[in-house]
Amino acid sequence: MPKEWTGKEERQYEHIRDSAEDRGESPKRAKEIGARTVNKNRARAGKTETASRTSLEGKSPQQRGGQRSGRRGPKGLTRDQLYNEARQRNIRGRSGMSKAQLAHALGRD
């Protein structure tokens, strides 16, 4: 972790990273999510030399609550998104499954 982070920011990073891993993210992606969240909060608090416009003007990661995390519309992920996840998990019979069947096979019902 960067030496500029406080103890609180370090704990926040670890908590976010662990939560992301518990949700099934890869360790690399979980680290990225944690670091981006902490760094965005630091930018909003004025603790960084540079910051993007969205870091300063957009919602905080806590307020946003996963609004951009892959959920598409009121009915969740598309069939193609579910199919791709099933392919990554090597679920047999996925090509003939409907959206509901894919969601069930992935444990998303």
N, C-alpha and C. Protein backbone atom coordinates (compact mmCIF):
# COMPACT_ATOMS: atom_id res chain seq x y z
N MET A 1 0.83 -1.17 0.00
CA MET A 1 0.00 0.00 0.00
C MET A 1 0.88 1.25 0.00
N PRO A 2 0.38 2.32 -0.59
CA PRO A 2 1.17 3.55 -0.62
C PRO A 2 1.42 4.06 0.79
N LYS A 3 2.61 4.61 1.01
CA LYS A 3 2.94 5.08 2.36
C LYS A 3 2.17 6.34 2.74
N GLU A 4 1.49 6.97 1.77
CA GLU A 4 0.70 8.16 2.08
C GLU A 4 -0.62 7.81 2.75
N TRP A 5 -1.05 6.57 2.66
CA TRP A 5 -2.33 6.17 3.23
C TRP A 5 -2.24 6.16 4.76
N THR A 6 -3.33 6.60 5.40
CA THR A 6 -3.41 6.55 6.85
C THR A 6 -3.81 5.13 7.27
N GLY A 7 -3.76 4.89 8.56
CA GLY A 7 -4.18 3.58 9.06
C GLY A 7 -5.63 3.28 8.74
N LYS A 8 -6.47 4.31 8.82
CA LYS A 8 -7.89 4.14 8.51
C LYS A 8 -8.08 3.79 7.04
N GLU A 9 -7.36 4.46 6.16
CA GLU A 9 -7.47 4.17 4.73
C GLU A 9 -6.97 2.76 4.42
N GLU A 10 -5.94 2.34 5.12
CA GLU A 10 -5.42 0.99 4.95
C GLU A 10 -6.46 -0.05 5.36
N ARG A 11 -7.13 0.18 6.48
CA ARG A 11 -8.17 -0.74 6.94
C ARG A 11 -9.36 -0.75 5.97
N GLN A 12 -9.71 0.43 5.46
CA GLN A 12 -10.80 0.51 4.49
C GLN A 12 -10.46 -0.29 3.23
N TYR A 13 -9.23 -0.14 2.75
CA TYR A 13 -8.77 -0.88 1.58
C TYR A 13 -8.89 -2.38 1.81
N GLU A 14 -8.40 -2.85 2.95
CA GLU A 14 -8.44 -4.29 3.25
C GLU A 14 -9.88 -4.80 3.33
N HIS A 15 -10.76 -4.00 3.92
CA HIS A 15 -12.16 -4.40 4.04
C HIS A 15 -12.81 -4.50 2.66
N ILE A 16 -12.58 -3.51 1.82
CA ILE A 16 -13.16 -3.51 0.48
C ILE A 16 -12.60 -4.66 -0.34
N ARG A 17 -11.28 -4.87 -0.26
CA ARG A 17 -10.63 -5.96 -0.99
C ARG A 17 -11.21 -7.32 -0.56
N ASP A 18 -11.33 -7.53 0.75
CA ASP A 18 -11.87 -8.80 1.24
C ASP A 18 -13.32 -9.00 0.82
N SER A 19 -14.11 -7.91 0.86
CA SER A 19 -15.52 -8.01 0.45
C SER A 19 -15.63 -8.37 -1.03
N ALA A 20 -14.79 -7.76 -1.85
CA ALA A 20 -14.82 -8.05 -3.28
C ALA A 20 -14.44 -9.50 -3.55
N GLU A 21 -13.45 -10.01 -2.83
CA GLU A 21 -13.06 -11.41 -3.00
C GLU A 21 -14.19 -12.34 -2.56
N ASP A 22 -14.90 -11.96 -1.48
CA ASP A 22 -16.02 -12.77 -1.02
C ASP A 22 -17.15 -12.82 -2.04
N ARG A 23 -17.29 -11.74 -2.83
CA ARG A 23 -18.31 -11.69 -3.88
C ARG A 23 -17.88 -12.44 -5.13
N GLY A 24 -16.64 -12.95 -5.16
CA GLY A 24 -16.19 -13.76 -6.29
C GLY A 24 -15.25 -13.07 -7.24
N GLU A 25 -14.82 -11.85 -6.93
CA GLU A 25 -13.85 -11.16 -7.79
C GLU A 25 -12.49 -11.85 -7.64
N SER A 26 -11.68 -11.77 -8.67
CA SER A 26 -10.32 -12.31 -8.59
C SER A 26 -9.52 -11.46 -7.62
N PRO A 27 -8.47 -12.01 -7.02
CA PRO A 27 -7.66 -11.20 -6.09
C PRO A 27 -7.10 -9.93 -6.73
N LYS A 28 -6.70 -10.02 -7.99
CA LYS A 28 -6.17 -8.84 -8.68
C LYS A 28 -7.24 -7.77 -8.82
N ARG A 29 -8.45 -8.17 -9.24
CA ARG A 29 -9.55 -7.21 -9.41
C ARG A 29 -9.99 -6.66 -8.06
N ALA A 30 -9.99 -7.49 -7.02
CA ALA A 30 -10.38 -7.04 -5.68
C ALA A 30 -9.42 -5.96 -5.18
N LYS A 31 -8.12 -6.15 -5.42
CA LYS A 31 -7.14 -5.13 -5.03
C LYS A 31 -7.38 -3.83 -5.77
N GLU A 32 -7.70 -3.95 -7.06
CA GLU A 32 -7.95 -2.75 -7.87
C GLU A 32 -9.17 -1.99 -7.35
N ILE A 33 -10.24 -2.70 -7.04
CA ILE A 33 -11.46 -2.07 -6.54
C ILE A 33 -11.17 -1.34 -5.22
N GLY A 34 -10.44 -2.01 -4.32
CA GLY A 34 -10.10 -1.39 -3.03
C GLY A 34 -9.25 -0.15 -3.20
N ALA A 35 -8.23 -0.24 -4.02
CA ALA A 35 -7.33 0.89 -4.22
C ALA A 35 -8.04 2.07 -4.88
N ARG A 36 -8.86 1.78 -5.88
CA ARG A 36 -9.58 2.86 -6.56
C ARG A 36 -10.54 3.57 -5.61
N THR A 37 -11.22 2.80 -4.76
CA THR A 37 -12.16 3.39 -3.83
C THR A 37 -11.44 4.30 -2.84
N VAL A 38 -10.36 3.80 -2.24
CA VAL A 38 -9.61 4.60 -1.27
C VAL A 38 -9.02 5.84 -1.94
N ASN A 39 -8.46 5.66 -3.13
CA ASN A 39 -7.85 6.80 -3.82
C ASN A 39 -8.89 7.85 -4.22
N LYS A 40 -10.08 7.41 -4.59
CA LYS A 40 -11.12 8.37 -4.94
C LYS A 40 -11.55 9.15 -3.70
N ASN A 41 -11.68 8.47 -2.57
CA ASN A 41 -12.03 9.16 -1.32
C ASN A 41 -10.93 10.15 -0.92
N ARG A 42 -9.67 9.77 -1.12
CA ARG A 42 -8.56 10.67 -0.81
C ARG A 42 -8.61 11.91 -1.71
N ALA A 43 -8.93 11.71 -2.98
CA ALA A 43 -9.00 12.84 -3.91
C ALA A 43 -10.13 13.78 -3.52
N ARG A 44 -11.27 13.22 -3.13
CA ARG A 44 -12.40 14.04 -2.73
C ARG A 44 -12.09 14.85 -1.47
N ALA A 45 -11.23 14.31 -0.61
CA ALA A 45 -10.86 15.00 0.63
C ALA A 45 -9.70 15.98 0.42
N GLY A 46 -9.16 16.06 -0.80
CA GLY A 46 -8.08 17.00 -1.10
C GLY A 46 -6.71 16.51 -0.65
N LYS A 47 -6.54 15.22 -0.49
CA LYS A 47 -5.27 14.67 -0.02
C LYS A 47 -4.32 14.28 -1.14
N THR A 48 -4.72 14.52 -2.40
CA THR A 48 -3.86 14.16 -3.52
C THR A 48 -3.51 15.41 -4.32
N GLU A 49 -2.41 15.33 -5.06
CA GLU A 49 -1.99 16.47 -5.86
C GLU A 49 -2.85 16.62 -7.11
N THR A 50 -3.25 15.52 -7.72
CA THR A 50 -4.09 15.56 -8.91
C THR A 50 -5.31 14.69 -8.68
N ALA A 51 -6.40 15.03 -9.36
CA ALA A 51 -7.62 14.25 -9.26
C ALA A 51 -8.44 14.46 -10.51
N SER A 52 -9.14 13.43 -10.93
CA SER A 52 -9.99 13.56 -12.11
C SER A 52 -11.25 14.34 -11.76
N ARG A 53 -11.88 14.84 -12.79
CA ARG A 53 -13.11 15.62 -12.59
C ARG A 53 -14.18 14.75 -11.94
N THR A 54 -14.30 13.49 -12.38
CA THR A 54 -15.33 12.61 -11.81
C THR A 54 -15.04 12.27 -10.35
N SER A 55 -13.77 12.23 -9.97
CA SER A 55 -13.45 11.96 -8.57
C SER A 55 -13.93 13.10 -7.69
N LEU A 56 -13.84 14.29 -8.21
CA LEU A 56 -14.22 15.46 -7.40
C LEU A 56 -15.70 15.79 -7.49
N GLU A 57 -16.31 15.59 -8.65
CA GLU A 57 -17.69 16.03 -8.85
C GLU A 57 -18.72 14.91 -8.74
N GLY A 58 -18.33 13.70 -9.04
CA GLY A 58 -19.29 12.59 -9.03
C GLY A 58 -19.63 12.16 -7.61
N LYS A 59 -20.50 11.16 -7.54
CA LYS A 59 -20.86 10.60 -6.25
C LYS A 59 -19.67 9.87 -5.65
N SER A 60 -19.63 9.79 -4.34
CA SER A 60 -18.58 9.01 -3.69
C SER A 60 -18.88 7.53 -3.94
N PRO A 61 -17.86 6.66 -3.83
CA PRO A 61 -18.11 5.23 -4.04
C PRO A 61 -19.17 4.67 -3.09
N GLN A 62 -19.23 5.20 -1.88
CA GLN A 62 -20.21 4.71 -0.92
C GLN A 62 -21.63 5.12 -1.31
N GLN A 63 -21.79 6.34 -1.84
CA GLN A 63 -23.11 6.79 -2.27
C GLN A 63 -23.56 6.04 -3.52
N ARG A 64 -22.63 5.80 -4.42
CA ARG A 64 -22.96 5.17 -5.69
C ARG A 64 -23.43 3.74 -5.48
N GLY A 65 -22.81 3.03 -4.58
CA GLY A 65 -23.28 1.70 -4.20
C GLY A 65 -23.37 0.70 -5.33
N GLY A 66 -22.41 0.68 -6.24
CA GLY A 66 -22.39 -0.33 -7.28
C GLY A 66 -23.26 -0.02 -8.49
N GLN A 67 -23.64 1.22 -8.67
CA GLN A 67 -24.50 1.57 -9.80
C GLN A 67 -23.83 1.28 -11.14
N ARG A 68 -22.49 1.26 -11.18
CA ARG A 68 -21.80 0.99 -12.43
C ARG A 68 -21.12 -0.37 -12.41
N SER A 69 -21.57 -1.28 -11.59
CA SER A 69 -20.83 -2.52 -11.38
C SER A 69 -21.28 -3.68 -12.28
N GLY A 70 -21.91 -3.40 -13.39
CA GLY A 70 -22.25 -4.47 -14.31
C GLY A 70 -23.72 -4.85 -14.33
N ARG A 71 -24.49 -4.36 -13.40
CA ARG A 71 -25.93 -4.66 -13.40
C ARG A 71 -26.57 -3.83 -14.50
N ARG A 72 -27.29 -4.47 -15.38
CA ARG A 72 -27.87 -3.79 -16.53
C ARG A 72 -29.39 -3.75 -16.41
N GLY A 73 -29.93 -2.62 -16.10
CA GLY A 73 -31.37 -2.43 -16.09
C GLY A 73 -32.07 -3.15 -14.95
N PRO A 74 -33.40 -3.09 -14.95
CA PRO A 74 -34.17 -3.63 -13.83
C PRO A 74 -34.20 -5.15 -13.76
N LYS A 75 -33.82 -5.83 -14.85
CA LYS A 75 -33.89 -7.29 -14.85
C LYS A 75 -32.53 -7.94 -14.68
N GLY A 76 -31.53 -7.19 -14.25
CA GLY A 76 -30.22 -7.77 -13.99
C GLY A 76 -29.39 -7.93 -15.25
N LEU A 77 -28.47 -8.87 -15.22
CA LEU A 77 -27.56 -9.11 -16.33
C LEU A 77 -28.30 -9.68 -17.54
N THR A 78 -27.76 -9.45 -18.72
CA THR A 78 -28.35 -10.02 -19.94
C THR A 78 -28.01 -11.50 -20.04
N ARG A 79 -28.70 -12.20 -20.95
CA ARG A 79 -28.42 -13.61 -21.14
C ARG A 79 -26.99 -13.82 -21.60
N ASP A 80 -26.50 -12.94 -22.48
CA ASP A 80 -25.13 -13.06 -22.96
C ASP A 80 -24.12 -12.90 -21.83
N GLN A 81 -24.38 -11.97 -20.93
CA GLN A 81 -23.48 -11.79 -19.79
C GLN A 81 -23.49 -13.03 -18.90
N LEU A 82 -24.67 -13.58 -18.66
CA LEU A 82 -24.77 -14.80 -17.86
C LEU A 82 -24.08 -15.97 -18.56
N TYR A 83 -24.25 -16.05 -19.88
CA TYR A 83 -23.63 -17.13 -20.65
C TYR A 83 -22.11 -17.04 -20.55
N ASN A 84 -21.56 -15.83 -20.69
CA ASN A 84 -20.11 -15.67 -20.60
C ASN A 84 -19.59 -16.07 -19.23
N GLU A 85 -20.33 -15.74 -18.19
CA GLU A 85 -19.90 -16.15 -16.85
C GLU A 85 -19.97 -17.68 -16.71
N ALA A 86 -21.02 -18.29 -17.27
CA ALA A 86 -21.15 -19.74 -17.23
C ALA A 86 -20.01 -20.40 -17.99
N ARG A 87 -19.61 -19.80 -19.11
CA ARG A 87 -18.48 -20.33 -19.88
C ARG A 87 -17.20 -20.26 -19.06
N GLN A 88 -16.99 -19.13 -18.36
CA GLN A 88 -15.79 -19.00 -17.52
C GLN A 88 -15.77 -20.03 -16.41
N ARG A 89 -16.95 -20.36 -15.89
CA ARG A 89 -17.04 -21.36 -14.81
C ARG A 89 -17.15 -22.78 -15.34
N ASN A 90 -17.16 -22.92 -16.66
CA ASN A 90 -17.20 -24.23 -17.32
C ASN A 90 -18.45 -25.03 -16.94
N ILE A 91 -19.61 -24.39 -16.98
CA ILE A 91 -20.88 -25.05 -16.68
C ILE A 91 -21.36 -25.78 -17.93
N ARG A 92 -21.63 -27.08 -17.77
CA ARG A 92 -22.04 -27.90 -18.91
C ARG A 92 -23.49 -27.61 -19.30
N GLY A 93 -23.76 -27.70 -20.60
CA GLY A 93 -25.11 -27.51 -21.12
C GLY A 93 -25.54 -26.06 -21.23
N ARG A 94 -24.62 -25.16 -21.08
CA ARG A 94 -24.96 -23.74 -21.04
C ARG A 94 -25.51 -23.21 -22.36
N SER A 95 -25.10 -23.80 -23.49
CA SER A 95 -25.52 -23.27 -24.78
C SER A 95 -27.02 -23.40 -25.02
N GLY A 96 -27.64 -24.39 -24.42
CA GLY A 96 -29.07 -24.58 -24.60
C GLY A 96 -29.92 -23.99 -23.50
N MET A 97 -29.29 -23.30 -22.54
CA MET A 97 -30.03 -22.77 -21.40
C MET A 97 -30.64 -21.41 -21.69
N SER A 98 -31.80 -21.18 -21.07
CA SER A 98 -32.43 -19.88 -21.15
C SER A 98 -31.77 -18.94 -20.13
N LYS A 99 -32.17 -17.69 -20.14
CA LYS A 99 -31.61 -16.73 -19.20
C LYS A 99 -31.88 -17.18 -17.76
N ALA A 100 -33.11 -17.61 -17.49
CA ALA A 100 -33.47 -18.05 -16.14
C ALA A 100 -32.67 -19.29 -15.73
N GLN A 101 -32.48 -20.21 -16.66
CA GLN A 101 -31.71 -21.42 -16.35
C GLN A 101 -30.24 -21.09 -16.09
N LEU A 102 -29.68 -20.16 -16.87
CA LEU A 102 -28.31 -19.74 -16.63
C LEU A 102 -28.16 -19.08 -15.27
N ALA A 103 -29.11 -18.21 -14.94
CA ALA A 103 -29.07 -17.53 -13.64
C ALA A 103 -29.14 -18.57 -12.51
N HIS A 104 -29.99 -19.57 -12.67
CA HIS A 104 -30.12 -20.63 -11.65
C HIS A 104 -28.81 -21.43 -11.53
N ALA A 105 -28.24 -21.77 -12.67
CA ALA A 105 -26.99 -22.55 -12.66
C ALA A 105 -25.85 -21.76 -12.02
N LEU A 106 -25.90 -20.44 -12.15
CA LEU A 106 -24.85 -19.59 -11.56
C LEU A 106 -25.17 -19.20 -10.12
N GLY A 107 -26.34 -19.59 -9.64
CA GLY A 107 -26.72 -19.25 -8.26
C GLY A 107 -27.17 -17.81 -8.11
N ARG A 108 -27.75 -17.24 -9.15
CA ARG A 108 -28.17 -15.84 -9.11
C ARG A 108 -29.67 -15.68 -9.07
N ASP A 109 -30.39 -16.70 -8.64
CA ASP A 109 -31.86 -16.53 -8.63
C ASP A 109 -32.36 -15.85 -7.42
